[in-house]
Amino acid sequence: MGCLQSKTANVQSPDQEPPQPDSNPDLANGDQLDQDQVPAFKEFGLAELRAATNGFSSELIVSESGEKAPNVVYRGKLRNNGLVAIKRFSKLSWPDPQQFVAEADGVGKVRHKRLVNLIGCCA
C-alpha cells in the first residue's frame, strides 16, 4: 500500500484551526515543516492505514483500476489530520513485499512542488 500527500492536503476549512507545528507526530527531533515541505518517507502500520480509511470503507473509495490485479485508492485522514490518498495494491501487483518497499522508498525520496509526494508505504 502507498500513502500519498499533495500540497493541497493541508488546506483547512474556515471553521478549523490550523495544526500546530509541534503537535505533528510525524516530525522527529523538533523539526518543523514549511508549507511546501512534506513529512519524510516512512513505513506505516496496517492499523494506522486502516484507521485512516475507516477500515478501508467502500464509501471512501476514490478509484479502482486493473482487471487482473485490482488496485483501489481510498481517501484518508492520518492521526495528524493530514489528508492523504492511500492506494491498496493487490498481491498480484507486488508479489514480493521487499521489492515493493525498496521501490516505494526510492520514489518516496522524490520531492517537487508540482508532484504528489509519496510519504510512506506498508507491506
C-alpha atoms as a PDB file:
ATOM      1  CA  MET A   1       0.000   0.000   0.000  1.00  0.00           C
ATOM      2  CA  GLY A   2       1.145   3.505  -0.668  1.00  0.00           C
ATOM      3  CA  CYS A   3       0.245   6.721   1.035  1.00  0.00           C
ATOM      4  CA  LEU A   4       0.328   9.993  -0.879  1.00  0.00           C
ATOM      5  CA  GLN A   5       0.032  13.602   0.194  1.00  0.00           C
ATOM      6  CA  SER A   6      -0.393  16.594  -2.067  1.00  0.00           C
ATOM      7  CA  LYS A   7       0.384  20.227  -1.379  1.00  0.00           C
ATOM      8  CA  THR A   8      -3.357  20.879  -1.019  1.00  0.00           C
ATOM      9  CA  ALA A   9      -3.660  18.211   1.673  1.00  0.00           C
ATOM     10  CA  ASN A  10      -3.003  20.899   4.285  1.00  0.00           C
ATOM     11  CA  VAL A  11      -5.932  23.066   3.164  1.00  0.00           C
ATOM     12  CA  GLN A  12      -8.190  23.748   6.133  1.00  0.00           C
ATOM     13  CA  SER A  13     -11.851  24.653   6.095  1.00  0.00           C
ATOM     14  CA  PRO A  14     -12.606  28.106   7.560  1.00  0.00           C
ATOM     15  CA  ASP A  15     -14.004  26.662  10.804  1.00  0.00           C
ATOM     16  CA  GLN A  16     -10.890  24.554  11.524  1.00  0.00           C
ATOM     17  CA  GLU A  17      -7.866  25.814  13.376  1.00  0.00           C
ATOM     18  CA  PRO A  18      -4.553  25.221  11.582  1.00  0.00           C
ATOM     19  CA  PRO A  19      -2.470  22.376  13.046  1.00  0.00           C
ATOM     20  CA  GLN A  20       0.285  23.419  15.411  1.00  0.00           C
ATOM     21  CA  PRO A  21       3.771  22.580  14.080  1.00  0.00           C
ATOM     22  CA  ASP A  22       4.908  20.961  17.323  1.00  0.00           C
ATOM     23  CA  SER A  23       1.829  18.725  17.556  1.00  0.00           C
ATOM     24  CA  ASN A  24       2.674  16.725  14.419  1.00  0.00           C
ATOM     25  CA  PRO A  25       3.613  13.151  15.448  1.00  0.00           C
ATOM     26  CA  ASP A  26       5.339  12.589  12.082  1.00  0.00           C
ATOM     27  CA  LEU A  27       8.015  15.150  12.965  1.00  0.00           C
ATOM     28  CA  ALA A  28      11.025  13.980  14.894  1.00  0.00           C
ATOM     29  CA  ASN A  29      13.556  15.931  16.959  1.00  0.00           C
ATOM     30  CA  GLY A  30      11.515  19.149  16.891  1.00  0.00           C
ATOM     31  CA  ASP A  31      11.823  19.532  13.100  1.00  0.00           C
ATOM     32  CA  GLN A  32       9.180  21.763  11.581  1.00  0.00           C
ATOM     33  CA  LEU A  33       7.650  21.588   8.124  1.00  0.00           C
ATOM     34  CA  ASP A  34       7.393  24.635   5.905  1.00  0.00           C
ATOM     35  CA  GLN A  35       4.202  24.985   3.912  1.00  0.00           C
ATOM     36  CA  ASP A  36       5.906  23.496   0.830  1.00  0.00           C
ATOM     37  CA  GLN A  37       7.510  20.555   2.657  1.00  0.00           C
ATOM     38  CA  VAL A  38       6.074  17.132   3.337  1.00  0.00           C
ATOM     39  CA  PRO A  39       6.995  14.588   6.018  1.00  0.00           C
ATOM     40  CA  ALA A  40       9.912  12.259   5.362  1.00  0.00           C
ATOM     41  CA  PHE A  41       9.073   8.878   3.810  1.00  0.00           C
ATOM     42  CA  LYS A  42       8.200   6.244   6.415  1.00  0.00           C
ATOM     43  CA  GLU A  43       6.651   2.812   6.746  1.00  0.00           C
ATOM     44  CA  PHE A  44       3.104   2.934   8.078  1.00  0.00           C
ATOM     45  CA  GLY A  45       1.470   0.168  10.049  1.00  0.00           C
ATOM     46  CA  LEU A  46      -1.599  -1.529   8.597  1.00  0.00           C
ATOM     47  CA  ALA A  47      -3.620  -0.496  11.678  1.00  0.00           C
ATOM     48  CA  GLU A  48      -2.770   3.171  11.052  1.00  0.00           C
ATOM     49  CA  LEU A  49      -3.878   2.964   7.409  1.00  0.00           C
ATOM     50  CA  ARG A  50      -6.984   1.017   8.369  1.00  0.00           C
ATOM     51  CA  ALA A  51      -7.871   3.768  10.874  1.00  0.00           C
ATOM     52  CA  ALA A  52      -7.200   6.494   8.273  1.00  0.00           C
ATOM     53  CA  THR A  53      -9.650   4.871   5.832  1.00  0.00           C
ATOM     54  CA  ASN A  54     -12.271   3.805   8.365  1.00  0.00           C
ATOM     55  CA  GLY A  55     -11.459   0.141   7.812  1.00  0.00           C
ATOM     56  CA  PHE A  56     -10.931   0.598   4.057  1.00  0.00           C
ATOM     57  CA  SER A  57     -14.544   1.714   3.796  1.00  0.00           C
ATOM     58  CA  SER A  58     -16.166   1.456   0.375  1.00  0.00           C
ATOM     59  CA  GLU A  59     -17.568   4.952   0.998  1.00  0.00           C
ATOM     60  CA  LEU A  60     -14.006   6.350   0.852  1.00  0.00           C
ATOM     61  CA  ILE A  61     -13.026   4.755  -2.478  1.00  0.00           C
ATOM     62  CA  VAL A  62     -11.716   7.348  -4.929  1.00  0.00           C
ATOM     63  CA  SER A  63     -10.876   4.995  -7.810  1.00  0.00           C
ATOM     64  CA  GLU A  64     -10.437   1.366  -8.782  1.00  0.00           C
ATOM     65  CA  SER A  65      -8.302   0.084 -11.640  1.00  0.00           C
ATOM     66  CA  GLY A  66      -6.855  -3.095 -13.069  1.00  0.00           C
ATOM     67  CA  GLU A  67      -8.738  -6.133 -14.282  1.00  0.00           C
ATOM     68  CA  LYS A  68      -6.228  -8.891 -13.467  1.00  0.00           C
ATOM     69  CA  ALA A  69      -4.837  -7.190 -10.364  1.00  0.00           C
ATOM     70  CA  PRO A  70      -7.317  -4.669  -8.974  1.00  0.00           C
ATOM     71  CA  ASN A  71      -5.869  -1.678  -7.121  1.00  0.00           C
ATOM     72  CA  VAL A  72      -8.083   0.605  -5.051  1.00  0.00           C
ATOM     73  CA  VAL A  73      -7.409   4.207  -3.978  1.00  0.00           C
ATOM     74  CA  TYR A  74      -9.026   5.480  -0.779  1.00  0.00           C
ATOM     75  CA  ARG A  75      -9.410   8.954   0.664  1.00  0.00           C
ATOM     76  CA  GLY A  76      -7.981   9.026   4.184  1.00  0.00           C
ATOM     77  CA  LYS A  77      -7.050  11.152   7.168  1.00  0.00           C
ATOM     78  CA  LEU A  78      -3.974  10.452   9.301  1.00  0.00           C
ATOM     79  CA  ARG A  79      -3.725  10.986  13.069  1.00  0.00           C
ATOM     80  CA  ASN A  80      -2.222  14.433  12.470  1.00  0.00           C
ATOM     81  CA  ASN A  81      -5.320  15.329  10.381  1.00  0.00           C
ATOM     82  CA  GLY A  82      -3.270  15.205   7.180  1.00  0.00           C
ATOM     83  CA  LEU A  83      -5.474  14.299   4.235  1.00  0.00           C
ATOM     84  CA  VAL A  84      -3.993  11.533   2.086  1.00  0.00           C
ATOM     85  CA  ALA A  85      -4.747   9.132  -0.726  1.00  0.00           C
ATOM     86  CA  ILE A  86      -4.000   5.516   0.136  1.00  0.00           C
ATOM     87  CA  LYS A  87      -3.564   3.047  -2.705  1.00  0.00           C
ATOM     88  CA  ARG A  88      -4.155  -0.579  -1.814  1.00  0.00           C
ATOM     89  CA  PHE A  89      -2.405  -2.898  -4.243  1.00  0.00           C
ATOM     90  CA  SER A  90      -3.425  -6.494  -4.800  1.00  0.00           C
ATOM     91  CA  LYS A  91      -0.830  -9.177  -4.070  1.00  0.00           C
ATOM     92  CA  LEU A  92      -0.706  -9.893  -7.799  1.00  0.00           C
ATOM     93  CA  SER A  93       0.619  -6.380  -8.433  1.00  0.00           C
ATOM     94  CA  TRP A  94       3.532  -6.730  -5.976  1.00  0.00           C
ATOM     95  CA  PRO A  95       4.134 -10.380  -5.020  1.00  0.00           C
ATOM     96  CA  ASP A  96       7.471  -9.544  -3.310  1.00  0.00           C
ATOM     97  CA  PRO A  97       6.967  -7.196  -0.320  1.00  0.00           C
ATOM     98  CA  GLN A  98      10.701  -6.409  -0.012  1.00  0.00           C
ATOM     99  CA  GLN A  99      10.862  -5.305  -3.644  1.00  0.00           C
ATOM    100  CA  PHE A 100       7.772  -3.135  -3.118  1.00  0.00           C
ATOM    101  CA  VAL A 101       9.299  -1.408  -0.081  1.00  0.00           C
ATOM    102  CA  ALA A 102      12.581  -0.818  -1.930  1.00  0.00           C
ATOM    103  CA  GLU A 103      10.771   0.696  -4.939  1.00  0.00           C
ATOM    104  CA  ALA A 104       8.485   2.787  -2.736  1.00  0.00           C
ATOM    105  CA  ASP A 105      11.449   4.067  -0.716  1.00  0.00           C
ATOM    106  CA  GLY A 106      13.150   5.246  -3.908  1.00  0.00           C
ATOM    107  CA  VAL A 107      10.031   7.008  -5.178  1.00  0.00           C
ATOM    108  CA  GLY A 108       9.416   8.414  -1.692  1.00  0.00           C
ATOM    109  CA  LYS A 109      12.665  10.387  -1.868  1.00  0.00           C
ATOM    110  CA  VAL A 110      11.446  12.383  -4.879  1.00  0.00           C
ATOM    111  CA  ARG A 111      10.118  15.809  -3.860  1.00  0.00           C
ATOM    112  CA  HIS A 112       8.864  18.547  -6.145  1.00  0.00           C
ATOM    113  CA  LYS A 113       6.251  21.264  -5.749  1.00  0.00           C
ATOM    114  CA  ARG A 114       4.412  20.057  -8.880  1.00  0.00           C
ATOM    115  CA  LEU A 115       4.235  16.395  -7.868  1.00  0.00           C
ATOM    116  CA  VAL A 116       2.115  14.468  -5.440  1.00  0.00           C
ATOM    117  CA  ASN A 117       4.505  13.155  -2.811  1.00  0.00           C
ATOM    118  CA  LEU A 118       4.723   9.557  -1.663  1.00  0.00           C
ATOM    119  CA  ILE A 119       5.039   9.912   2.111  1.00  0.00           C
ATOM    120  CA  GLY A 120       5.041   6.240   3.060  1.00  0.00           C
ATOM    121  CA  CYS A 121       4.112   2.644   2.451  1.00  0.00           C
ATOM    122  CA  CYS A 122       3.007  -0.506   4.204  1.00  0.00           C
ATOM    123  CA  ALA A 123       3.911  -4.048   3.183  1.00  0.00           C
END
